[in-house]
C-alpha cells in the first residue's frame, strides 16, 4: 500500500496542490492554521468518502470556490489505482471515481486506500461520551465491511425519519401510521450492526490487550465490554434472534418514546467499556492510563486492517505526538517502522530523521528534504 501522489483543487485552504510522497514516513510540518490537518483530511476523505471533522460537505470547499476536486494515485491491491472525489456547493451530489469509473457510493472505496487516523481528541475517547467510541468502531468497520457501511447508512436514514415522526406526530397524528414499519426495519438493520460490532470489538480487544500489555510492561490487562440494547443477552447470537430482541426492547419503550418525542431504543446508543484489571477507565483511569489504552486501540485497529486486507493501511497521525510524553512517543514511533505514515507536527526541527519532510505554509506544501 502506497499513496504516491495527491492532487487538491479548491479543498479547504488549498487553492491547488500537487504533492508526491514516499512509501515510508512523510512528516508534514508547519505553524498552526497553515493546512496540515486539511492535507490529512483529504487523504482520509479519499479513503472513506467521509470527513473526520465535519458532516457538512460545504465546509470542505474553499471559500469562494464552487467545487472541490480531490484525487490521488496509489499502488494498492497489487496494481496502480486512482481515486477522485468532486464536491459541489449547493445541493448537487458529490461524485466519486475509482480508476476513472464513476461509483454509486463510498462503499466502492472499501479496501482500496485503507487508513487509520489518530488525532489528539482520540486520546480521550475512553473518557468522553459514547459517540466517540461508536465512531471508532464504525470507522474501522466501514473500511473492512462494505455491507456494514450500507447497513449503517440505512439505519441512519431510518433513525432520522423515526425521530421526525416522534417529534411532530402531535401536530400531525397521521405520521404515526408508518411507525411500526420503521420499527421493524430498524430492528432488522440494527441486528446486523450489533452482530458486526460485537465480533469486531472481540477481535480489537485481543490485539489491543497485547499492545497494552507490552506498553505497560505486563503490569495491566486491558479488556473491552460491548454495551448494546438491554434485551440482548448475547450479541453474538444469530441475526433473527437479535432482531426479535430489539423488537422486544422497542415494545417496552414505545410509550416512553411517544411521551418524550425521542428515539430511545436501538444501536445508535451502543457503547463499550474499557477496563484495566477490571477497573473502568472512564470512571477511574488516570490520564496516563487513558492515553496508553487509546494508543493501544489505534495500533490494534491498524493491525486488524492489515490482517484482513493483506496490506499495511496508511497511518495518519495528526499532531498526536505533541500530546504524548517521551515514553509514549517512543512506543508509538517504534510501531510505525513499516508501512506508509503521515505525521503532522508544528516543530520543524523535530523527528526529521524519520523520513521525508514537507513544509506547509498558507495552503502550499513544499518538500524540504529527506534525512537519512
Protein backbone atom coordinates (compact mmCIF):
# COMPACT_ATOMS: atom_id res chain seq x y z
CA UNK A 1 0.00 0.00 0.00
CA UNK A 2 1.48 3.32 -1.04
CA UNK A 3 -0.15 6.71 -1.66
CA UNK A 4 2.10 8.09 -4.38
CA UNK A 5 0.51 11.38 -5.42
CA UNK A 6 -2.17 13.72 -4.07
CA UNK A 7 -3.89 16.49 -6.03
CA UNK A 8 -6.24 19.03 -4.45
CA UNK A 9 -8.15 21.90 -6.04
CA UNK A 10 -10.42 24.15 -4.00
CA UNK A 11 -10.26 21.92 -0.94
CA UNK A 12 -10.28 23.71 2.44
CA UNK A 13 -7.25 26.07 2.48
CA UNK A 14 -5.76 24.65 -0.73
CA UNK A 15 -6.38 26.56 -3.93
CA UNK A 16 -4.25 23.97 -5.74
CA UNK A 17 -1.84 21.34 -4.52
CA UNK A 18 0.16 18.60 -6.20
CA UNK A 19 2.45 16.53 -3.99
CA UNK A 20 4.24 13.20 -4.23
CA UNK A 21 5.00 11.15 -1.14
CA UNK A 22 7.44 8.42 -0.10
CA UNK A 23 6.42 4.89 0.94
CA UNK A 24 7.73 5.39 4.50
CA UNK A 25 7.28 8.32 6.85
CA UNK A 26 6.07 11.66 5.46
CA UNK A 27 6.49 14.42 8.05
CA UNK A 28 4.17 17.40 7.46
CA UNK A 29 5.42 20.42 9.42
CA UNK A 30 4.24 23.99 9.70
CA UNK A 31 2.69 26.53 12.03
CA UNK A 32 -0.90 26.30 13.20
CA UNK A 33 -3.70 27.10 10.73
CA UNK A 34 -1.49 26.54 7.66
CA UNK A 35 -3.28 23.45 6.31
CA UNK A 36 -1.53 20.41 7.82
CA UNK A 37 -4.70 18.78 9.11
CA UNK A 38 -6.50 19.69 5.88
CA UNK A 39 -4.00 17.57 3.97
CA UNK A 40 -4.61 14.55 6.20
CA UNK A 41 -8.35 15.17 5.97
CA UNK A 42 -8.12 14.96 2.18
CA UNK A 43 -6.33 11.60 2.37
CA UNK A 44 -8.91 10.29 4.83
CA UNK A 45 -11.77 11.51 2.62
CA UNK A 46 -10.39 9.66 -0.40
CA UNK A 47 -10.11 6.60 1.83
CA UNK A 48 -13.62 6.57 3.27
CA UNK A 49 -15.72 9.14 1.41
CA UNK A 50 -16.21 10.99 4.71
CA UNK A 51 -14.56 13.82 6.61
CA UNK A 52 -13.44 13.16 10.17
CA UNK A 53 -14.03 16.82 11.03
CA UNK A 54 -17.45 17.71 9.64
CA UNK A 55 -20.61 16.17 8.22
CA UNK A 56 -21.22 19.23 6.04
CA UNK A 57 -19.61 18.87 2.58
CA UNK A 58 -19.86 22.63 2.02
CA UNK A 59 -17.24 23.18 4.72
CA UNK A 60 -14.72 21.22 2.64
CA UNK A 61 -14.93 23.62 -0.29
CA UNK A 62 -12.52 26.56 -0.31
CA UNK A 63 -14.18 29.90 0.34
CA UNK A 64 -15.12 31.47 -2.97
CA UNK A 65 -14.95 28.20 -4.93
CA UNK A 66 -17.91 26.41 -6.49
CA UNK A 67 -16.44 22.94 -6.03
CA UNK A 68 -13.55 20.95 -4.57
CA UNK A 69 -11.67 18.31 -6.52
CA UNK A 70 -9.60 15.69 -4.68
CA UNK A 71 -7.58 12.99 -6.41
CA UNK A 72 -4.78 10.56 -5.70
CA UNK A 73 -2.66 7.94 -7.39
CA UNK A 74 -1.73 4.92 -5.34
CA UNK A 75 -0.37 1.41 -5.51
CA UNK A 76 -2.92 -0.88 -3.89
CA UNK A 77 -4.16 -4.44 -4.24
CA UNK A 78 -1.18 -5.25 -6.43
CA UNK A 79 -1.71 -2.52 -9.05
CA UNK A 80 -1.73 1.20 -9.74
CA UNK A 81 -5.09 2.81 -8.97
CA UNK A 82 -6.68 6.25 -8.85
CA UNK A 83 -9.39 7.73 -6.64
CA UNK A 84 -11.16 11.01 -7.24
CA UNK A 85 -13.87 12.93 -5.37
CA UNK A 86 -15.61 16.07 -6.59
CA UNK A 87 -17.70 18.06 -4.09
CA UNK A 88 -20.12 20.76 -5.15
CA UNK A 89 -21.62 23.70 -3.32
CA UNK A 90 -25.39 23.73 -3.06
CA UNK A 91 -27.49 20.60 -3.41
CA UNK A 92 -25.66 18.92 -6.25
CA UNK A 93 -24.47 15.49 -5.07
CA UNK A 94 -20.78 14.68 -4.96
CA UNK A 95 -19.10 12.43 -7.49
CA UNK A 96 -16.77 9.56 -6.62
CA UNK A 97 -14.48 7.92 -9.17
CA UNK A 98 -12.37 4.78 -8.88
CA UNK A 99 -9.98 4.01 -11.71
CA UNK A 100 -11.79 6.55 -13.88
CA UNK A 101 -15.17 4.84 -13.34
CA UNK A 102 -17.90 6.75 -11.54
CA UNK A 103 -19.16 4.98 -8.41
CA UNK A 104 -22.61 4.98 -6.86
CA UNK A 105 -21.47 5.17 -3.24
CA UNK A 106 -18.44 5.33 -0.97
CA UNK A 107 -18.78 1.60 -0.31
CA UNK A 108 -16.86 1.03 -3.57
CA UNK A 109 -13.79 2.62 -1.96
CA UNK A 110 -13.61 -0.01 0.78
CA UNK A 111 -10.17 -1.59 0.98
CA UNK A 112 -8.61 0.50 -1.81
CA UNK A 113 -6.95 3.12 0.40
CA UNK A 114 -7.29 1.86 3.99
CA UNK A 115 -6.29 4.43 6.59
CA UNK A 116 -6.06 4.66 10.35
CA UNK A 117 -6.40 8.18 11.75
CA UNK A 118 -5.11 9.16 15.19
CA UNK A 119 -5.70 12.72 16.39
CA UNK A 120 -5.41 14.35 19.83
CA UNK A 121 -9.16 14.13 20.52
CA UNK A 122 -8.94 10.34 20.36
CA UNK A 123 -6.51 10.25 23.27
CA UNK A 124 -9.57 10.91 25.43
CA UNK A 125 -12.01 8.69 23.54
CA UNK A 126 -12.26 6.33 26.52
CA UNK A 127 -13.11 9.19 28.90
CA UNK A 128 -15.56 11.19 26.81
CA UNK A 129 -19.08 10.36 25.66
CA UNK A 130 -20.17 7.21 23.84
CA UNK A 131 -20.38 8.90 20.41
CA UNK A 132 -16.60 8.88 20.04
CA UNK A 133 -16.38 5.18 20.85
CA UNK A 134 -19.13 4.34 18.37
CA UNK A 135 -17.29 6.41 15.77
CA UNK A 136 -14.12 4.41 16.44
CA UNK A 137 -15.95 1.14 15.76
CA UNK A 138 -17.91 2.45 12.78
CA UNK A 139 -14.89 3.98 11.09
CA UNK A 140 -12.94 0.73 11.14
CA UNK A 141 -15.87 -1.48 10.18
CA UNK A 142 -16.84 0.72 7.22
CA UNK A 143 -13.38 0.11 5.78
CA UNK A 144 -13.43 -3.61 6.50
CA UNK A 145 -17.01 -4.47 5.51
CA UNK A 146 -18.85 -2.62 2.71
CA UNK A 147 -22.08 -4.29 3.85
CA UNK A 148 -21.66 -2.70 7.26
CA UNK A 149 -21.32 0.77 5.75
CA UNK A 150 -24.51 0.22 3.76
CA UNK A 151 -26.36 -1.00 6.85
CA UNK A 152 -25.09 1.93 8.91
CA UNK A 153 -26.24 4.44 6.28
CA UNK A 154 -29.65 2.75 6.06
CA UNK A 155 -30.03 2.78 9.85
CA UNK A 156 -29.13 6.47 9.92
CA UNK A 157 -31.87 7.27 7.39
CA UNK A 158 -34.42 5.25 9.34
CA UNK A 159 -33.41 6.87 12.61
CA UNK A 160 -33.82 10.37 11.18
CA UNK A 161 -37.27 9.52 9.77
CA UNK A 162 -38.46 7.95 13.03
CA UNK A 163 -37.11 10.90 15.02
CA UNK A 164 -39.11 13.31 12.84
CA UNK A 165 -42.25 11.23 13.39
CA UNK A 166 -41.83 11.23 17.16
CA UNK A 167 -41.08 14.93 17.19
CA UNK A 168 -44.00 16.05 15.01
CA UNK A 169 -46.79 13.48 15.48
CA UNK A 170 -48.72 15.59 17.99
CA UNK A 171 -49.22 18.25 15.35
CA UNK A 172 -49.69 15.69 12.55
CA UNK A 173 -51.14 12.47 14.06
CA UNK A 174 -51.18 10.69 10.68
CA UNK A 175 -47.39 10.49 10.89
CA UNK A 176 -47.77 7.60 13.34
CA UNK A 177 -49.19 5.26 10.69
CA UNK A 178 -45.82 4.14 9.24
CA UNK A 179 -44.14 3.96 12.67
CA UNK A 180 -44.47 0.14 13.04
CA UNK A 181 -42.79 -0.32 9.66
CA UNK A 182 -39.91 1.93 10.68
CA UNK A 183 -39.53 -0.02 13.93
CA UNK A 184 -39.35 -3.31 12.08
CA UNK A 185 -36.81 -2.07 9.54
CA UNK A 186 -34.67 -0.51 12.29
CA UNK A 187 -34.72 -3.80 14.16
CA UNK A 188 -33.60 -5.69 11.06
CA UNK A 189 -30.80 -3.25 10.26
CA UNK A 190 -29.87 -2.82 13.91
CA UNK A 191 -29.41 -6.57 14.30
CA UNK A 192 -26.83 -6.51 11.51
CA UNK A 193 -24.95 -3.60 13.09
CA UNK A 194 -24.84 -5.25 16.51
CA UNK A 195 -23.53 -8.52 15.09
CA UNK A 196 -20.73 -6.76 13.22
CA UNK A 197 -19.79 -4.57 16.17
CA UNK A 198 -19.68 -7.41 18.68
CA UNK A 199 -17.35 -9.51 16.54
CA UNK A 200 -15.07 -6.61 15.67
CA UNK A 201 -14.80 -5.49 19.29
CA UNK A 202 -13.82 -9.02 20.33
CA UNK A 203 -11.01 -9.02 17.77
CA UNK A 204 -9.99 -5.48 18.73
CA UNK A 205 -9.79 -6.47 22.39
CA UNK A 206 -7.46 -9.39 21.69
CA UNK A 207 -4.94 -7.29 19.74
CA UNK A 208 -5.22 -4.11 21.86
CA UNK A 209 -4.63 -6.16 25.01
CA UNK A 210 -1.31 -7.36 23.59
CA UNK A 211 -0.20 -3.83 22.75
CA UNK A 212 -1.24 -2.55 26.16
CA UNK A 213 0.49 -5.42 27.93
CA UNK A 214 3.71 -4.57 26.10
CA UNK A 215 3.20 -0.85 26.69
CA UNK A 216 2.65 -1.27 30.46
CA UNK A 217 5.45 -3.78 30.91
CA UNK A 218 2.97 -6.55 31.63
CA UNK A 219 1.50 -4.69 34.61
CA UNK A 220 -2.06 -4.19 33.31
CA UNK A 221 -4.65 -6.18 31.38
CA UNK A 222 -6.97 -4.29 29.01
CA UNK A 223 -10.49 -5.63 28.39
CA UNK A 224 -13.36 -4.28 26.28
CA UNK A 225 -17.03 -4.98 27.00
CA UNK A 226 -19.73 -4.30 24.42
CA UNK A 227 -22.83 -2.47 25.67
CA UNK A 228 -25.94 -2.61 23.50
CA UNK A 229 -29.74 -2.98 23.72
CA UNK A 230 -30.55 -4.34 27.19
CA UNK A 231 -32.85 -7.13 25.96
CA UNK A 232 -29.97 -8.69 24.02
CA UNK A 233 -28.33 -11.33 26.17
CA UNK A 234 -25.78 -12.46 23.59
CA UNK A 235 -24.67 -10.03 20.86
CA UNK A 236 -23.07 -12.98 19.04
CA UNK A 237 -26.47 -14.65 18.56
CA UNK A 238 -27.87 -15.16 15.07
CA UNK A 239 -29.43 -12.17 13.34
CA UNK A 240 -33.01 -13.43 13.72
CA UNK A 241 -32.62 -13.67 17.49
CA UNK A 242 -31.10 -10.19 17.69
CA UNK A 243 -33.94 -8.83 15.55
CA UNK A 244 -36.58 -10.31 17.87
CA UNK A 245 -34.84 -8.99 20.97
CA UNK A 246 -34.61 -5.49 19.53
CA UNK A 247 -38.33 -5.59 18.72
CA UNK A 248 -38.98 -6.59 22.33
CA UNK A 249 -36.99 -3.61 23.56
CA UNK A 250 -38.89 -1.31 21.19
CA UNK A 251 -42.20 -2.61 22.53
CA UNK A 252 -41.15 -1.97 26.12
CA UNK A 253 -40.15 1.61 25.34
CA UNK A 254 -42.86 2.56 22.84
CA UNK A 255 -44.86 4.66 25.30
CA UNK A 256 -41.75 6.38 26.63
CA UNK A 257 -40.74 7.28 23.07
CA UNK A 258 -44.14 8.81 22.36
CA UNK A 259 -44.08 10.80 25.57
CA UNK A 260 -40.51 12.05 25.15
CA UNK A 261 -40.66 12.55 21.37
CA UNK A 262 -37.31 10.80 21.03
CA UNK A 263 -36.00 7.51 19.65
CA UNK A 264 -34.85 5.74 22.82
CA UNK A 265 -34.02 2.24 21.64
CA UNK A 266 -31.53 0.84 19.16
CA UNK A 267 -27.81 0.51 18.40
CA UNK A 268 -27.47 4.27 17.93
CA UNK A 269 -26.95 4.24 21.71
CA UNK A 270 -24.29 1.49 21.69
CA UNK A 271 -21.09 1.85 23.68
CA UNK A 272 -18.21 -0.20 25.03
CA UNK A 273 -16.45 -0.11 28.37
CA UNK A 274 -12.65 -0.31 28.53
CA UNK A 275 -11.21 -1.68 31.76
CA UNK A 276 -7.74 -2.16 33.20
CA UNK A 277 -7.57 -5.13 35.56
CA UNK A 278 -11.36 -4.91 35.85
CA UNK A 279 -11.46 -1.19 36.71
CA UNK A 280 -13.31 1.14 34.32
CA UNK A 281 -11.01 3.61 32.57
CA UNK A 282 -13.87 6.03 32.00
CA UNK A 283 -14.63 6.29 35.71
CA UNK A 284 -11.28 5.71 37.38
CA UNK A 285 -8.46 5.68 34.80
CA UNK A 286 -5.61 8.15 35.15
CA UNK A 287 -4.67 10.40 32.25
CA UNK A 288 -1.65 8.21 31.51
CA UNK A 289 -3.68 5.01 31.56
CA UNK A 290 -6.34 6.57 29.33
CA UNK A 291 -3.81 7.67 26.73
CA UNK A 292 -1.93 4.39 26.78
CA UNK A 293 -5.14 2.42 26.26
CA UNK A 294 -6.24 4.76 23.44
CA UNK A 295 -2.90 4.29 21.67
CA UNK A 296 -3.27 0.53 22.04
CA UNK A 297 -6.72 0.66 20.43
CA UNK A 298 -5.49 2.62 17.40
CA UNK A 299 -2.49 0.37 16.88
CA UNK A 300 -4.80 -2.63 17.16
CA UNK A 301 -7.14 -1.08 14.57
CA UNK A 302 -4.21 -0.79 12.18
CA UNK A 303 -3.17 -4.39 12.79
CA UNK A 304 -6.68 -5.75 12.19
CA UNK A 305 -6.94 -3.84 8.92
CA UNK A 306 -3.58 -5.24 7.85
CA UNK A 307 -4.61 -8.80 8.66
CA UNK A 308 -7.95 -8.54 6.90
CA UNK A 309 -6.84 -6.68 3.78
CA UNK A 310 -3.36 -8.18 3.43
CA UNK A 311 -1.82 -4.70 3.16
CA UNK A 312 -0.50 -2.17 5.65
CA UNK A 313 -3.01 0.67 5.98
CA UNK A 314 -1.77 4.24 5.74
CA UNK A 315 -1.34 5.68 9.23
CA UNK A 316 -2.36 9.32 9.74
CA UNK A 317 -1.00 10.90 12.95
CA UNK A 318 -2.45 14.39 13.26
CA UNK A 319 -0.27 16.26 15.77
CA UNK A 320 -0.78 13.43 18.25
CA UNK A 321 2.88 13.05 19.21
CA UNK A 322 3.00 16.53 20.73
CA UNK A 323 0.32 15.39 23.20
CA UNK A 324 2.40 12.46 24.47
CA UNK A 325 5.26 12.24 26.91
CA UNK A 326 8.63 10.89 25.76
CA UNK A 327 7.91 7.28 26.75
CA UNK A 328 4.63 7.13 24.86
CA UNK A 329 6.15 8.89 21.86
CA UNK A 330 8.87 6.25 21.71
CA UNK A 331 6.33 3.44 21.90
CA UNK A 332 4.27 4.86 19.03
CA UNK A 333 7.31 5.58 16.88
CA UNK A 334 8.61 2.05 17.38
CA UNK A 335 5.34 0.71 15.92
CA UNK A 336 5.49 2.71 12.67
CA UNK A 337 8.68 1.37 11.16
CA UNK A 338 6.67 -0.38 8.45
CA UNK A 339 4.05 0.94 6.08
CA UNK A 340 3.33 4.48 4.95
CA UNK A 341 2.83 7.11 7.63
CA UNK A 342 1.82 10.78 7.57
CA UNK A 343 2.70 12.78 10.69
CA UNK A 344 1.78 16.42 11.22
CA UNK A 345 3.92 18.45 13.58
CA UNK A 346 4.44 22.14 14.41
CA UNK A 347 8.11 21.86 15.32
CA UNK A 348 10.14 22.00 12.13
CA UNK A 349 13.34 20.55 13.55
CA UNK A 350 11.69 17.58 15.20
CA UNK A 351 11.50 13.95 14.08
CA UNK A 352 13.02 14.77 10.68
CA UNK A 353 15.22 11.67 10.84
CA UNK A 354 12.11 9.53 10.29
CA UNK A 355 11.66 10.18 6.57
CA UNK A 356 10.88 12.92 4.09
CA UNK A 357 9.80 16.32 5.37
CA UNK A 358 7.20 18.61 3.78
CA UNK A 359 6.57 22.19 4.90
CA UNK A 360 3.02 23.55 4.72
CA UNK A 361 2.63 27.32 4.55
CA UNK A 362 -0.50 29.24 3.56
CA UNK A 363 -2.10 26.29 1.84
CA UNK A 364 1.04 25.26 -0.06
CA UNK A 365 3.01 22.08 0.53
CA UNK A 366 6.73 22.21 -0.26
CA UNK A 367 9.18 19.36 0.08
CA UNK A 368 12.10 20.43 2.25
CA UNK A 369 14.29 17.35 2.03
CA UNK A 370 14.98 13.88 3.30
CA UNK A 371 17.04 12.88 6.27
CA UNK A 372 18.92 9.59 6.14
